[in-house]
């Protein structure tokens, strides 16, 4: 299962009330606009491109889901 497929499945389970809301952050080396849009459209909360800084990643993980 790809990350996009996993995200869609998590969002489906959330919508059914089977799991609590999850914060999903994509980490990708592919920074093309269409790839970033695909991640967001799949249900990811945000996308970070590599290389990323660990403090920034931790800050985003701790942020509340919008």
PDB file of N, CA and C in Angstrom:
ATOM      1  N   UNK A   1       0.857  -1.166   0.000  1.00  0.00           N
ATOM      2  CA  UNK A   1       0.000   0.000   0.000  1.00  0.00           C
ATOM      3  C   UNK A   1       0.905   1.232   0.000  1.00  0.00           C
ATOM      4  N   UNK A   2       0.635   2.145  -0.876  1.00  0.00           N
ATOM      5  CA  UNK A   2       1.415   3.387  -0.933  1.00  0.00           C
ATOM      6  C   UNK A   2       0.978   4.331   0.181  1.00  0.00           C
ATOM      7  N   UNK A   3       1.735   5.377   0.370  1.00  0.00           N
ATOM      8  CA  UNK A   3       1.373   6.380   1.369  1.00  0.00           C
ATOM      9  C   UNK A   3       0.047   7.055   1.049  1.00  0.00           C
ATOM     10  N   UNK A   4      -0.203   7.277  -0.241  1.00  0.00           N
ATOM     11  CA  UNK A   4      -1.477   7.887  -0.634  1.00  0.00           C
ATOM     12  C   UNK A   4      -2.642   6.944  -0.343  1.00  0.00           C
ATOM     13  N   UNK A   5      -2.461   5.667  -0.654  1.00  0.00           N
ATOM     14  CA  UNK A   5      -3.508   4.683  -0.370  1.00  0.00           C
ATOM     15  C   UNK A   5      -3.738   4.546   1.133  1.00  0.00           C
ATOM     16  N   UNK A   6      -2.672   4.527   1.890  1.00  0.00           N
ATOM     17  CA  UNK A   6      -2.797   4.421   3.348  1.00  0.00           C
ATOM     18  C   UNK A   6      -3.534   5.629   3.914  1.00  0.00           C
ATOM     19  N   UNK A   7      -3.228   6.800   3.394  1.00  0.00           N
ATOM     20  CA  UNK A   7      -3.903   8.018   3.857  1.00  0.00           C
ATOM     21  C   UNK A   7      -5.386   7.954   3.563  1.00  0.00           C
ATOM     22  N   UNK A   8      -5.731   7.552   2.357  1.00  0.00           N
ATOM     23  CA  UNK A   8      -7.161   7.443   2.009  1.00  0.00           C
ATOM     24  C   UNK A   8      -7.876   6.455   2.929  1.00  0.00           C
ATOM     25  N   UNK A   9      -7.209   5.355   3.230  1.00  0.00           N
ATOM     26  CA  UNK A   9      -7.818   4.352   4.110  1.00  0.00           C
ATOM     27  C   UNK A   9      -7.975   4.893   5.534  1.00  0.00           C
ATOM     28  N   UNK A  10      -6.974   5.591   6.036  1.00  0.00           N
ATOM     29  CA  UNK A  10      -7.089   6.188   7.369  1.00  0.00           C
ATOM     30  C   UNK A  10      -8.239   7.193   7.412  1.00  0.00           C
ATOM     31  N   UNK A  11      -8.355   8.016   6.395  1.00  0.00           N
ATOM     32  CA  UNK A  11      -9.445   8.999   6.356  1.00  0.00           C
ATOM     33  C   UNK A  11     -10.810   8.295   6.276  1.00  0.00           C
ATOM     34  N   UNK A  12     -10.878   7.179   5.551  1.00  0.00           N
ATOM     35  CA  UNK A  12     -12.128   6.422   5.468  1.00  0.00           C
ATOM     36  C   UNK A  12     -12.507   5.878   6.843  1.00  0.00           C
ATOM     37  N   UNK A  13     -11.531   5.314   7.528  1.00  0.00           N
ATOM     38  CA  UNK A  13     -11.796   4.774   8.867  1.00  0.00           C
ATOM     39  C   UNK A  13     -12.183   5.873   9.849  1.00  0.00           C
ATOM     40  N   UNK A  14     -11.578   7.036   9.712  1.00  0.00           N
ATOM     41  CA  UNK A  14     -11.972   8.178  10.551  1.00  0.00           C
ATOM     42  C   UNK A  14     -13.428   8.541  10.304  1.00  0.00           C
ATOM     43  N   UNK A  15     -13.798   8.607   9.027  1.00  0.00           N
ATOM     44  CA  UNK A  15     -15.166   9.021   8.684  1.00  0.00           C
ATOM     45  C   UNK A  15     -16.212   8.038   9.215  1.00  0.00           C
ATOM     46  N   UNK A  16     -15.815   6.777   9.384  1.00  0.00           N
ATOM     47  CA  UNK A  16     -16.714   5.763   9.938  1.00  0.00           C
ATOM     48  C   UNK A  16     -16.683   5.727  11.462  1.00  0.00           C
ATOM     49  N   UNK A  17     -15.814   6.546  12.060  1.00  0.00           N
ATOM     50  CA  UNK A  17     -15.695   6.566  13.507  1.00  0.00           C
ATOM     51  C   UNK A  17     -14.940   5.381  14.073  1.00  0.00           C
ATOM     52  N   UNK A  18     -14.216   4.663  13.231  1.00  0.00           N
ATOM     53  CA  UNK A  18     -13.491   3.486  13.687  1.00  0.00           C
ATOM     54  C   UNK A  18     -12.125   3.813  14.294  1.00  0.00           C
ATOM     55  N   UNK A  19     -11.600   4.976  13.969  1.00  0.00           N
ATOM     56  CA  UNK A  19     -10.341   5.438  14.572  1.00  0.00           C
ATOM     57  C   UNK A  19     -10.457   6.935  14.834  1.00  0.00           C
ATOM     58  N   UNK A  20      -9.712   7.451  15.798  1.00  0.00           N
ATOM     59  CA  UNK A  20      -9.737   8.894  16.040  1.00  0.00           C
ATOM     60  C   UNK A  20      -8.997   9.631  14.922  1.00  0.00           C
ATOM     61  N   UNK A  21      -9.242  10.923  14.777  1.00  0.00           N
ATOM     62  CA  UNK A  21      -8.548  11.694  13.746  1.00  0.00           C
ATOM     63  C   UNK A  21      -7.025  11.592  13.895  1.00  0.00           C
ATOM     64  N   UNK A  22      -6.374  11.452  12.773  1.00  0.00           N
ATOM     65  CA  UNK A  22      -4.919  11.330  12.723  1.00  0.00           C
ATOM     66  C   UNK A  22      -4.318  12.533  12.003  1.00  0.00           C
ATOM     67  N   UNK A  23      -3.163  12.951  12.432  1.00  0.00           N
ATOM     68  CA  UNK A  23      -2.418  13.991  11.714  1.00  0.00           C
ATOM     69  C   UNK A  23      -1.454  13.272  10.787  1.00  0.00           C
ATOM     70  N   UNK A  24      -1.530  13.571   9.490  1.00  0.00           N
ATOM     71  CA  UNK A  24      -0.698  12.895   8.506  1.00  0.00           C
ATOM     72  C   UNK A  24       0.147  13.926   7.772  1.00  0.00           C
ATOM     73  N   UNK A  25       1.449  13.738   7.854  1.00  0.00           N
ATOM     74  CA  UNK A  25       2.396  14.633   7.194  1.00  0.00           C
ATOM     75  C   UNK A  25       3.212  13.807   6.208  1.00  0.00           C
ATOM     76  N   UNK A  26       3.155  14.188   4.954  1.00  0.00           N
ATOM     77  CA  UNK A  26       3.938  13.493   3.931  1.00  0.00           C
ATOM     78  C   UNK A  26       5.376  13.987   3.979  1.00  0.00           C
ATOM     79  N   UNK A  27       6.310  13.058   3.878  1.00  0.00           N
ATOM     80  CA  UNK A  27       7.727  13.382   3.733  1.00  0.00           C
ATOM     81  C   UNK A  27       8.139  12.837   2.372  1.00  0.00           C
ATOM     82  N   UNK A  28       8.539  13.716   1.481  1.00  0.00           N
ATOM     83  CA  UNK A  28       8.831  13.289   0.123  1.00  0.00           C
ATOM     84  C   UNK A  28      10.047  14.000  -0.452  1.00  0.00           C
ATOM     85  N   UNK A  29      10.714  13.323  -1.327  1.00  0.00           N
ATOM     86  CA  UNK A  29      11.813  13.924  -2.068  1.00  0.00           C
ATOM     87  C   UNK A  29      11.324  14.502  -3.385  1.00  0.00           C
ATOM     88  N   UNK A  30      10.061  14.262  -3.696  1.00  0.00           N
ATOM     89  CA  UNK A  30       9.484  14.722  -4.952  1.00  0.00           C
ATOM     90  C   UNK A  30       8.707  16.005  -4.699  1.00  0.00           C
ATOM     91  N   UNK A  31       9.257  17.124  -5.117  1.00  0.00           N
ATOM     92  CA  UNK A  31       8.648  18.422  -4.821  1.00  0.00           C
ATOM     93  C   UNK A  31       7.869  18.997  -5.997  1.00  0.00           C
ATOM     94  N   UNK A  32       7.550  18.161  -6.990  1.00  0.00           N
ATOM     95  CA  UNK A  32       6.761  18.679  -8.113  1.00  0.00           C
ATOM     96  C   UNK A  32       5.367  19.045  -7.616  1.00  0.00           C
ATOM     97  N   UNK A  33       4.853  20.115  -8.164  1.00  0.00           N
ATOM     98  CA  UNK A  33       3.560  20.642  -7.731  1.00  0.00           C
ATOM     99  C   UNK A  33       2.472  19.565  -7.759  1.00  0.00           C
ATOM    100  N   UNK A  34       2.418  18.776  -8.829  1.00  0.00           N
ATOM    101  CA  UNK A  34       1.359  17.760  -8.931  1.00  0.00           C
ATOM    102  C   UNK A  34       1.498  16.694  -7.851  1.00  0.00           C
ATOM    103  N   UNK A  35       2.716  16.352  -7.457  1.00  0.00           N
ATOM    104  CA  UNK A  35       2.923  15.364  -6.399  1.00  0.00           C
ATOM    105  C   UNK A  35       2.463  15.914  -5.044  1.00  0.00           C
ATOM    106  N   UNK A  36       2.769  17.173  -4.796  1.00  0.00           N
ATOM    107  CA  UNK A  36       2.333  17.806  -3.548  1.00  0.00           C
ATOM    108  C   UNK A  36       0.810  17.882  -3.499  1.00  0.00           C
ATOM    109  N   UNK A  37       0.193  18.247  -4.621  1.00  0.00           N
ATOM    110  CA  UNK A  37      -1.267  18.321  -4.681  1.00  0.00           C
ATOM    111  C   UNK A  37      -1.894  16.936  -4.491  1.00  0.00           C
ATOM    112  N   UNK A  38      -1.297  15.905  -5.061  1.00  0.00           N
ATOM    113  CA  UNK A  38      -1.815  14.543  -4.895  1.00  0.00           C
ATOM    114  C   UNK A  38      -1.829  14.139  -3.427  1.00  0.00           C
ATOM    115  N   UNK A  39      -0.793  14.507  -2.702  1.00  0.00           N
ATOM    116  CA  UNK A  39      -0.720  14.166  -1.282  1.00  0.00           C
ATOM    117  C   UNK A  39      -1.837  14.858  -0.501  1.00  0.00           C
ATOM    118  N   UNK A  40      -2.022  16.137  -0.747  1.00  0.00           N
ATOM    119  CA  UNK A  40      -3.077  16.891  -0.058  1.00  0.00           C
ATOM    120  C   UNK A  40      -4.447  16.357  -0.453  1.00  0.00           C
ATOM    121  N   UNK A  41      -4.639  16.076  -1.741  1.00  0.00           N
ATOM    122  CA  UNK A  41      -5.931  15.559  -2.211  1.00  0.00           C
ATOM    123  C   UNK A  41      -6.241  14.174  -1.654  1.00  0.00           C
ATOM    124  N   UNK A  42      -5.221  13.415  -1.314  1.00  0.00           N
ATOM    125  CA  UNK A  42      -5.427  12.092  -0.714  1.00  0.00           C
ATOM    126  C   UNK A  42      -5.861  12.204   0.739  1.00  0.00           C
ATOM    127  N   UNK A  43      -5.676  13.401   1.336  1.00  0.00           N
ATOM    128  CA  UNK A  43      -6.103  13.604   2.711  1.00  0.00           C
ATOM    129  C   UNK A  43      -4.989  13.923   3.686  1.00  0.00           C
ATOM    130  N   UNK A  44      -3.771  14.078   3.193  1.00  0.00           N
ATOM    131  CA  UNK A  44      -2.674  14.435   4.093  1.00  0.00           C
ATOM    132  C   UNK A  44      -2.860  15.869   4.554  1.00  0.00           C
ATOM    133  N   UNK A  45      -2.445  16.131   5.767  1.00  0.00           N
ATOM    134  CA  UNK A  45      -2.608  17.470   6.321  1.00  0.00           C
ATOM    135  C   UNK A  45      -1.621  18.456   5.719  1.00  0.00           C
ATOM    136  N   UNK A  46      -0.420  17.980   5.467  1.00  0.00           N
ATOM    137  CA  UNK A  46       0.585  18.826   4.837  1.00  0.00           C
ATOM    138  C   UNK A  46       1.705  17.964   4.285  1.00  0.00           C
ATOM    139  N   UNK A  47       2.595  18.608   3.542  1.00  0.00           N
ATOM    140  CA  UNK A  47       3.693  17.911   2.886  1.00  0.00           C
ATOM    141  C   UNK A  47       4.986  18.638   3.199  1.00  0.00           C
ATOM    142  N   UNK A  48       5.997  17.866   3.561  1.00  0.00           N
ATOM    143  CA  UNK A  48       7.344  18.418   3.751  1.00  0.00           C
ATOM    144  C   UNK A  48       8.258  17.735   2.749  1.00  0.00           C
ATOM    145  N   UNK A  49       9.068  18.526   2.082  1.00  0.00           N
ATOM    146  CA  UNK A  49      10.007  17.949   1.126  1.00  0.00           C
ATOM    147  C   UNK A  49      11.363  17.742   1.788  1.00  0.00           C
ATOM    148  N   UNK A  50      12.044  16.715   1.308  1.00  0.00           N
ATOM    149  CA  UNK A  50      13.382  16.402   1.803  1.00  0.00           C
ATOM    150  C   UNK A  50      14.379  17.281   1.070  1.00  0.00           C
ATOM    151  N   UNK A  51      15.435  17.698   1.667  1.00  0.00           N
ATOM    152  CA  UNK A  51      15.767  17.430   3.070  1.00  0.00           C
ATOM    153  C   UNK A  51      14.936  18.331   3.980  1.00  0.00           C
ATOM    154  N   UNK A  52      14.544  17.806   5.091  1.00  0.00           N
ATOM    155  CA  UNK A  52      13.781  18.586   6.070  1.00  0.00           C
ATOM    156  C   UNK A  52      14.597  18.669   7.348  1.00  0.00           C
ATOM    157  N   UNK A  53      14.230  19.633   8.187  1.00  0.00           N
ATOM    158  CA  UNK A  53      14.924  19.813   9.463  1.00  0.00           C
ATOM    159  C   UNK A  53      14.087  19.173  10.554  1.00  0.00           C
ATOM    160  N   UNK A  54      14.727  18.376  11.385  1.00  0.00           N
ATOM    161  CA  UNK A  54      14.020  17.644  12.436  1.00  0.00           C
ATOM    162  C   UNK A  54      13.213  18.564  13.355  1.00  0.00           C
ATOM    163  N   UNK A  55      13.747  19.706  13.807  1.00  0.00           N
ATOM    164  CA  UNK A  55      12.918  20.565  14.668  1.00  0.00           C
ATOM    165  C   UNK A  55      11.621  21.012  13.984  1.00  0.00           C
ATOM    166  N   UNK A  56      11.699  21.296  12.689  1.00  0.00           N
ATOM    167  CA  UNK A  56      10.496  21.709  11.964  1.00  0.00           C
ATOM    168  C   UNK A  56       9.506  20.546  11.854  1.00  0.00           C
ATOM    169  N   UNK A  57       9.995  19.348  11.587  1.00  0.00           N
ATOM    170  CA  UNK A  57       9.130  18.180  11.519  1.00  0.00           C
ATOM    171  C   UNK A  57       8.445  17.941  12.863  1.00  0.00           C
ATOM    172  N   UNK A  58       9.206  17.992  13.941  1.00  0.00           N
ATOM    173  CA  UNK A  58       8.616  17.778  15.274  1.00  0.00           C
ATOM    174  C   UNK A  58       7.566  18.831  15.593  1.00  0.00           C
ATOM    175  N   UNK A  59       7.800  20.068  15.196  1.00  0.00           N
ATOM    176  CA  UNK A  59       6.838  21.134  15.433  1.00  0.00           C
ATOM    177  C   UNK A  59       5.536  20.826  14.688  1.00  0.00           C
ATOM    178  N   UNK A  60       5.648  20.376  13.461  1.00  0.00           N
ATOM    179  CA  UNK A  60       4.457  20.060  12.671  1.00  0.00           C
ATOM    180  C   UNK A  60       3.732  18.825  13.214  1.00  0.00           C
ATOM    181  N   UNK A  61       4.464  17.857  13.702  1.00  0.00           N
ATOM    182  CA  UNK A  61       3.835  16.673  14.287  1.00  0.00           C
ATOM    183  C   UNK A  61       3.008  17.073  15.508  1.00  0.00           C
ATOM    184  N   UNK A  62       3.543  17.973  16.299  1.00  0.00           N
ATOM    185  CA  UNK A  62       2.858  18.389  17.535  1.00  0.00           C
ATOM    186  C   UNK A  62       1.685  19.318  17.295  1.00  0.00           C
ATOM    187  N   UNK A  63       1.602  19.919  16.128  1.00  0.00           N
ATOM    188  CA  UNK A  63       0.528  20.877  15.822  1.00  0.00           C
ATOM    189  C   UNK A  63      -0.814  20.147  15.798  1.00  0.00           C
ATOM    190  N   UNK A  64      -1.835  20.845  16.156  1.00  0.00           N
ATOM    191  CA  UNK A  64      -3.175  20.251  16.109  1.00  0.00           C
ATOM    192  C   UNK A  64      -3.650  20.181  14.681  1.00  0.00           C
ATOM    193  N   UNK A  65      -4.450  19.186  14.427  1.00  0.00           N
ATOM    194  CA  UNK A  65      -5.012  19.023  13.086  1.00  0.00           C
ATOM    195  C   UNK A  65      -6.064  20.083  12.857  1.00  0.00           C
ATOM    196  N   UNK A  66      -5.998  20.725  11.702  1.00  0.00           N
ATOM    197  CA  UNK A  66      -6.952  21.812  11.374  1.00  0.00           C
ATOM    198  C   UNK A  66      -8.307  21.264  11.002  1.00  0.00           C
TER     199      UNK A  66
END
